[in-house]
Structure formats: C-alpha cells, structure tokens
C-alpha cells in the first residue's frame, strides 16, 4: 500500500495526526516560528520532557509526547541553516526527513505532518527545500509499513503552492 502525500495550508499545531514534526533548534527548548508555536500549544510538559533529552544535532530527530496538542507525538528535528549550499545543507535537510520518518515507523505511527523545515529564519530556499522534502519522503515512507499519511503543512499560500508543485513533479 502506498503512502498518501498531501499538502495542507494552516497551523500545524491544530492537526489531529499521530505526530507533528517540529523544526527545532539544537537545544530543543523552544524558539521562534513553528518551534515556539508548538511549544506554546503543547504546554509546559513538552519543555519538561525536552529538558531531559539533552538536545539534538542538526539532521537528527527526537520524539516526545504531544501533551496538549491534538497530535499524540512531536518529532523534533533540527534543520540546517542555509549558507549558500556548499556546507552539506541539502544532505542535512534530507536527513531530517529520513530520521523523522524512521522514528514514526519505529513508533508504529500512521500519520505525520511536516512543516517547511529550515525555510524560515534558517533561509533554506523554499523551492529546493520542498523538492528535497517530497523526494525524501517518497523514497523513505514506503519502508515504514505503519505509515499511511504524510502531510506537508505549510504556513501560507505561497509555500503551499510550492509544495504542491513539488508533489506534482514526476516521482
């Protein structure tokens, strides 16, 4: 059975899925953008759990409870800061998606929603980030039998259109 890939525009913290992915910083202790929104919506117990994890290197992922979110879990991944593309940024971004999917698979999750990792203050070019996200998910998601739905949740119409375009490209 193939995995259903979707694009959604809106607030990732409102999605009722098994896991939402947090575009976190290495401390996992909250920040701005999607990271801050997830921490605010999940409540203080998320921060408490994250304090016990000890951080997360760029490209890796960690899983926690979802607490006050509709999502049962949060998978935190640290995307790369864009420095022009010659410091392994593309491989690190793909690693974020692979590692988040691996954690979802290990936990037996059926649905996961990703934000546009690294495209905000980390300045990764949106179109290239969308292509990497879609290509990596297409290549990896089928290897996790429990996984049925992957949502690319975009904040804004421009990002959603770019992700839809990436999905419309031939596999």
C-alpha atoms as a PDB file:
ATOM      1  CA  UNK A   1       0.000   0.000   0.000  1.00  0.00           C
ATOM      2  CA  UNK A   2       1.347   3.422  -0.923  1.00  0.00           C
ATOM      3  CA  UNK A   3       1.579   6.363   1.444  1.00  0.00           C
ATOM      4  CA  UNK A   4      -0.837   9.245   0.815  1.00  0.00           C
ATOM      5  CA  UNK A   5       1.125  12.509   0.429  1.00  0.00           C
ATOM      6  CA  UNK A   6      -0.837  15.713   0.998  1.00  0.00           C
ATOM      7  CA  UNK A   7      -0.256  19.451   1.214  1.00  0.00           C
ATOM      8  CA  UNK A   8      -2.161  21.438   3.816  1.00  0.00           C
ATOM      9  CA  UNK A   9      -2.096  25.170   4.430  1.00  0.00           C
ATOM     10  CA  UNK A  10      -2.504  26.310   8.010  1.00  0.00           C
ATOM     11  CA  UNK A  11      -1.439  25.789  11.589  1.00  0.00           C
ATOM     12  CA  UNK A  12       0.453  22.547  12.167  1.00  0.00           C
ATOM     13  CA  UNK A  13      -0.434  22.654  15.880  1.00  0.00           C
ATOM     14  CA  UNK A  14      -4.120  22.154  15.016  1.00  0.00           C
ATOM     15  CA  UNK A  15      -3.649  18.916  13.060  1.00  0.00           C
ATOM     16  CA  UNK A  16      -5.080  15.719  14.519  1.00  0.00           C
ATOM     17  CA  UNK A  17      -2.341  13.306  13.435  1.00  0.00           C
ATOM     18  CA  UNK A  18      -0.163  10.778  15.205  1.00  0.00           C
ATOM     19  CA  UNK A  19       2.836  13.147  15.076  1.00  0.00           C
ATOM     20  CA  UNK A  20       3.718  16.638  14.008  1.00  0.00           C
ATOM     21  CA  UNK A  21       7.303  17.483  13.231  1.00  0.00           C
ATOM     22  CA  UNK A  22       8.907  20.415  14.987  1.00  0.00           C
ATOM     23  CA  UNK A  23      11.518  22.422  13.108  1.00  0.00           C
ATOM     24  CA  UNK A  24      13.528  22.773  16.291  1.00  0.00           C
ATOM     25  CA  UNK A  25      16.837  24.275  17.291  1.00  0.00           C
ATOM     26  CA  UNK A  26      19.602  22.099  18.745  1.00  0.00           C
ATOM     27  CA  UNK A  27      18.606  22.809  22.368  1.00  0.00           C
ATOM     28  CA  UNK A  28      15.003  21.550  21.815  1.00  0.00           C
ATOM     29  CA  UNK A  29      13.954  24.151  24.381  1.00  0.00           C
ATOM     30  CA  UNK A  30      11.708  26.219  22.143  1.00  0.00           C
ATOM     31  CA  UNK A  31      12.342  29.212  19.961  1.00  0.00           C
ATOM     32  CA  UNK A  32      10.538  31.226  17.331  1.00  0.00           C
ATOM     33  CA  UNK A  33       8.383  30.279  14.377  1.00  0.00           C
ATOM     34  CA  UNK A  34       6.970  26.755  14.269  1.00  0.00           C
ATOM     35  CA  UNK A  35       9.143  25.714  17.230  1.00  0.00           C
ATOM     36  CA  UNK A  36       7.695  28.379  19.525  1.00  0.00           C
ATOM     37  CA  UNK A  37       4.152  27.748  18.297  1.00  0.00           C
ATOM     38  CA  UNK A  38       4.442  24.009  19.023  1.00  0.00           C
ATOM     39  CA  UNK A  39       5.886  24.589  22.497  1.00  0.00           C
ATOM     40  CA  UNK A  40       3.139  27.114  23.342  1.00  0.00           C
ATOM     41  CA  UNK A  41       0.346  24.858  22.084  1.00  0.00           C
ATOM     42  CA  UNK A  42       1.714  21.688  23.738  1.00  0.00           C
ATOM     43  CA  UNK A  43       2.099  23.320  27.147  1.00  0.00           C
ATOM     44  CA  UNK A  44       4.848  23.197  29.766  1.00  0.00           C
ATOM     45  CA  UNK A  45       5.159  19.407  29.919  1.00  0.00           C
ATOM     46  CA  UNK A  46       6.717  19.393  26.435  1.00  0.00           C
ATOM     47  CA  UNK A  47       9.501  21.675  27.647  1.00  0.00           C
ATOM     48  CA  UNK A  48       9.987  19.477  30.713  1.00  0.00           C
ATOM     49  CA  UNK A  49      10.411  16.376  28.537  1.00  0.00           C
ATOM     50  CA  UNK A  50      12.726  18.212  26.126  1.00  0.00           C
ATOM     51  CA  UNK A  51      14.925  19.340  29.036  1.00  0.00           C
ATOM     52  CA  UNK A  52      15.652  15.684  29.769  1.00  0.00           C
ATOM     53  CA  UNK A  53      16.667  14.832  26.193  1.00  0.00           C
ATOM     54  CA  UNK A  54      19.880  16.813  26.079  1.00  0.00           C
ATOM     55  CA  UNK A  55      19.428  18.436  22.680  1.00  0.00           C
ATOM     56  CA  UNK A  56      19.559  17.177  19.113  1.00  0.00           C
ATOM     57  CA  UNK A  57      22.254  17.661  16.457  1.00  0.00           C
ATOM     58  CA  UNK A  58      21.389  19.085  13.039  1.00  0.00           C
ATOM     59  CA  UNK A  59      19.882  16.439  10.756  1.00  0.00           C
ATOM     60  CA  UNK A  60      18.825  14.138  13.587  1.00  0.00           C
ATOM     61  CA  UNK A  61      15.425  13.747  15.275  1.00  0.00           C
ATOM     62  CA  UNK A  62      13.939  13.021  18.720  1.00  0.00           C
ATOM     63  CA  UNK A  63      10.371  12.037  19.665  1.00  0.00           C
ATOM     64  CA  UNK A  64       8.305  13.282  22.610  1.00  0.00           C
ATOM     65  CA  UNK A  65       4.702  13.294  23.713  1.00  0.00           C
ATOM     66  CA  UNK A  66       2.260  15.757  22.206  1.00  0.00           C
ATOM     67  CA  UNK A  67       0.710  16.780  25.529  1.00  0.00           C
ATOM     68  CA  UNK A  68      -1.956  19.449  24.907  1.00  0.00           C
ATOM     69  CA  UNK A  69      -1.711  19.187  21.105  1.00  0.00           C
ATOM     70  CA  UNK A  70      -4.222  17.172  19.070  1.00  0.00           C
ATOM     71  CA  UNK A  71      -1.159  15.241  17.806  1.00  0.00           C
ATOM     72  CA  UNK A  72      -0.109  12.394  20.067  1.00  0.00           C
ATOM     73  CA  UNK A  73       3.616  12.952  19.475  1.00  0.00           C
ATOM     74  CA  UNK A  74       6.058  15.650  18.456  1.00  0.00           C
ATOM     75  CA  UNK A  75       9.082  14.624  16.429  1.00  0.00           C
ATOM     76  CA  UNK A  76      11.735  17.309  16.805  1.00  0.00           C
ATOM     77  CA  UNK A  77      14.301  17.682  14.040  1.00  0.00           C
ATOM     78  CA  UNK A  78      16.965  20.310  13.569  1.00  0.00           C
ATOM     79  CA  UNK A  79      17.256  21.579  10.038  1.00  0.00           C
ATOM     80  CA  UNK A  80      20.355  23.173   8.594  1.00  0.00           C
ATOM     81  CA  UNK A  81      20.972  26.896   8.336  1.00  0.00           C
ATOM     82  CA  UNK A  82      21.438  27.816   4.669  1.00  0.00           C
ATOM     83  CA  UNK A  83      24.956  29.085   3.947  1.00  0.00           C
ATOM     84  CA  UNK A  84      24.757  29.012   0.154  1.00  0.00           C
ATOM     85  CA  UNK A  85      24.540  25.263  -0.344  1.00  0.00           C
ATOM     86  CA  UNK A  86      28.194  24.295  -0.068  1.00  0.00           C
ATOM     87  CA  UNK A  87      28.175  23.072   3.542  1.00  0.00           C
ATOM     88  CA  UNK A  88      26.113  19.921   3.146  1.00  0.00           C
ATOM     89  CA  UNK A  89      22.800  21.676   3.738  1.00  0.00           C
ATOM     90  CA  UNK A  90      20.845  19.547   1.250  1.00  0.00           C
ATOM     91  CA  UNK A  91      22.058  16.253   2.750  1.00  0.00           C
ATOM     92  CA  UNK A  92      21.317  17.503   6.269  1.00  0.00           C
ATOM     93  CA  UNK A  93      17.792  18.554   5.294  1.00  0.00           C
ATOM     94  CA  UNK A  94      17.112  15.156   3.697  1.00  0.00           C
ATOM     95  CA  UNK A  95      18.439  13.550   6.880  1.00  0.00           C
ATOM     96  CA  UNK A  96      15.838  15.470   8.915  1.00  0.00           C
ATOM     97  CA  UNK A  97      13.036  13.869   6.907  1.00  0.00           C
ATOM     98  CA  UNK A  98      14.614  10.384   6.928  1.00  0.00           C
ATOM     99  CA  UNK A  99      15.210  10.434  10.681  1.00  0.00           C
ATOM    100  CA  UNK A 100      11.733  11.773  11.477  1.00  0.00           C
ATOM    101  CA  UNK A 101      10.153   9.068   9.311  1.00  0.00           C
ATOM    102  CA  UNK A 102      12.317   6.418  10.977  1.00  0.00           C
ATOM    103  CA  UNK A 103      11.094   7.481  14.430  1.00  0.00           C
ATOM    104  CA  UNK A 104       7.496   7.475  13.189  1.00  0.00           C
ATOM    105  CA  UNK A 105       7.986   3.982  11.798  1.00  0.00           C
ATOM    106  CA  UNK A 106       9.624   2.688  14.991  1.00  0.00           C
ATOM    107  CA  UNK A 107       6.671   4.043  16.976  1.00  0.00           C
ATOM    108  CA  UNK A 108       4.150   2.441  14.594  1.00  0.00           C
ATOM    109  CA  UNK A 109       2.592   5.773  13.659  1.00  0.00           C
ATOM    110  CA  UNK A 110       0.139   6.048  10.761  1.00  0.00           C
ATOM    111  CA  UNK A 111       0.138   9.805  10.147  1.00  0.00           C
ATOM    112  CA  UNK A 112       2.753  12.554  10.341  1.00  0.00           C
ATOM    113  CA  UNK A 113       2.792  16.229   9.395  1.00  0.00           C
ATOM    114  CA  UNK A 114       5.922  18.154   8.445  1.00  0.00           C
ATOM    115  CA  UNK A 115       6.417  21.925   8.372  1.00  0.00           C
ATOM    116  CA  UNK A 116       8.655  23.509   5.733  1.00  0.00           C
ATOM    117  CA  UNK A 117      11.841  22.694   7.674  1.00  0.00           C
ATOM    118  CA  UNK A 118      14.641  25.300   7.504  1.00  0.00           C
ATOM    119  CA  UNK A 119      12.748  27.676   5.190  1.00  0.00           C
ATOM    120  CA  UNK A 120      12.071  30.391   7.775  1.00  0.00           C
ATOM    121  CA  UNK A 121      14.853  32.067   9.735  1.00  0.00           C
ATOM    122  CA  UNK A 122      17.285  29.334   8.568  1.00  0.00           C
ATOM    123  CA  UNK A 123      16.814  30.740   4.998  1.00  0.00           C
ATOM    124  CA  UNK A 124      16.841  27.454   3.042  1.00  0.00           C
ATOM    125  CA  UNK A 125      15.439  28.248  -0.450  1.00  0.00           C
ATOM    126  CA  UNK A 126      11.772  27.228  -0.384  1.00  0.00           C
ATOM    127  CA  UNK A 127      11.572  25.506  -3.779  1.00  0.00           C
ATOM    128  CA  UNK A 128      14.693  23.394  -3.198  1.00  0.00           C
ATOM    129  CA  UNK A 129      13.563  22.546   0.357  1.00  0.00           C
ATOM    130  CA  UNK A 130      10.183  21.385  -0.986  1.00  0.00           C
ATOM    131  CA  UNK A 131      11.850  19.202  -3.630  1.00  0.00           C
ATOM    132  CA  UNK A 132      14.133  17.612  -1.025  1.00  0.00           C
ATOM    133  CA  UNK A 133      11.200  17.061   1.346  1.00  0.00           C
ATOM    134  CA  UNK A 134       8.989  15.417  -1.269  1.00  0.00           C
ATOM    135  CA  UNK A 135      11.785  13.343  -2.840  1.00  0.00           C
ATOM    136  CA  UNK A 136      12.994  12.081   0.542  1.00  0.00           C
ATOM    137  CA  UNK A 137       9.510  11.230   1.792  1.00  0.00           C
ATOM    138  CA  UNK A 138       8.680   9.442  -1.467  1.00  0.00           C
ATOM    139  CA  UNK A 139      11.877   7.405  -1.202  1.00  0.00           C
ATOM    140  CA  UNK A 140      11.594   6.564   2.503  1.00  0.00           C
ATOM    141  CA  UNK A 141       7.940   6.465   3.567  1.00  0.00           C
ATOM    142  CA  UNK A 142       7.145   3.122   1.946  1.00  0.00           C
ATOM    143  CA  UNK A 143       9.766   1.468   4.142  1.00  0.00           C
ATOM    144  CA  UNK A 144       7.600   2.081   7.210  1.00  0.00           C
ATOM    145  CA  UNK A 145       4.561  -0.239   6.944  1.00  0.00           C
ATOM    146  CA  UNK A 146       2.510   1.567   9.607  1.00  0.00           C
ATOM    147  CA  UNK A 147       2.749   4.916   7.815  1.00  0.00           C
ATOM    148  CA  UNK A 148      -0.347   5.771   5.764  1.00  0.00           C
ATOM    149  CA  UNK A 149      -0.424   9.588   5.517  1.00  0.00           C
ATOM    150  CA  UNK A 150       2.247  12.290   5.272  1.00  0.00           C
ATOM    151  CA  UNK A 151       1.127  15.912   5.294  1.00  0.00           C
ATOM    152  CA  UNK A 152       3.322  18.832   4.288  1.00  0.00           C
ATOM    153  CA  UNK A 153       1.754  21.583   6.384  1.00  0.00           C
ATOM    154  CA  UNK A 154       2.589  24.996   5.001  1.00  0.00           C
ATOM    155  CA  UNK A 155       2.139  28.347   6.675  1.00  0.00           C
ATOM    156  CA  UNK A 156       0.848  30.475   3.831  1.00  0.00           C
ATOM    157  CA  UNK A 157      -0.411  30.106   0.283  1.00  0.00           C
ATOM    158  CA  UNK A 158       2.982  30.671  -1.368  1.00  0.00           C
ATOM    159  CA  UNK A 159       4.644  27.796   0.464  1.00  0.00           C
ATOM    160  CA  UNK A 160       1.628  25.528  -0.117  1.00  0.00           C
ATOM    161  CA  UNK A 161       1.763  26.238  -3.866  1.00  0.00           C
ATOM    162  CA  UNK A 162       5.481  25.423  -3.962  1.00  0.00           C
ATOM    163  CA  UNK A 163       4.947  22.126  -2.109  1.00  0.00           C
ATOM    164  CA  UNK A 164       2.017  21.223  -4.401  1.00  0.00           C
ATOM    165  CA  UNK A 165       4.321  21.875  -7.352  1.00  0.00           C
ATOM    166  CA  UNK A 166       6.966  19.589  -5.846  1.00  0.00           C
ATOM    167  CA  UNK A 167       4.327  16.864  -5.366  1.00  0.00           C
ATOM    168  CA  UNK A 168       3.156  17.263  -8.967  1.00  0.00           C
ATOM    169  CA  UNK A 169       6.659  16.553 -10.325  1.00  0.00           C
ATOM    170  CA  UNK A 170       7.171  13.019 -11.604  1.00  0.00           C
ATOM    171  CA  UNK A 171       8.417  10.638  -8.932  1.00  0.00           C
END
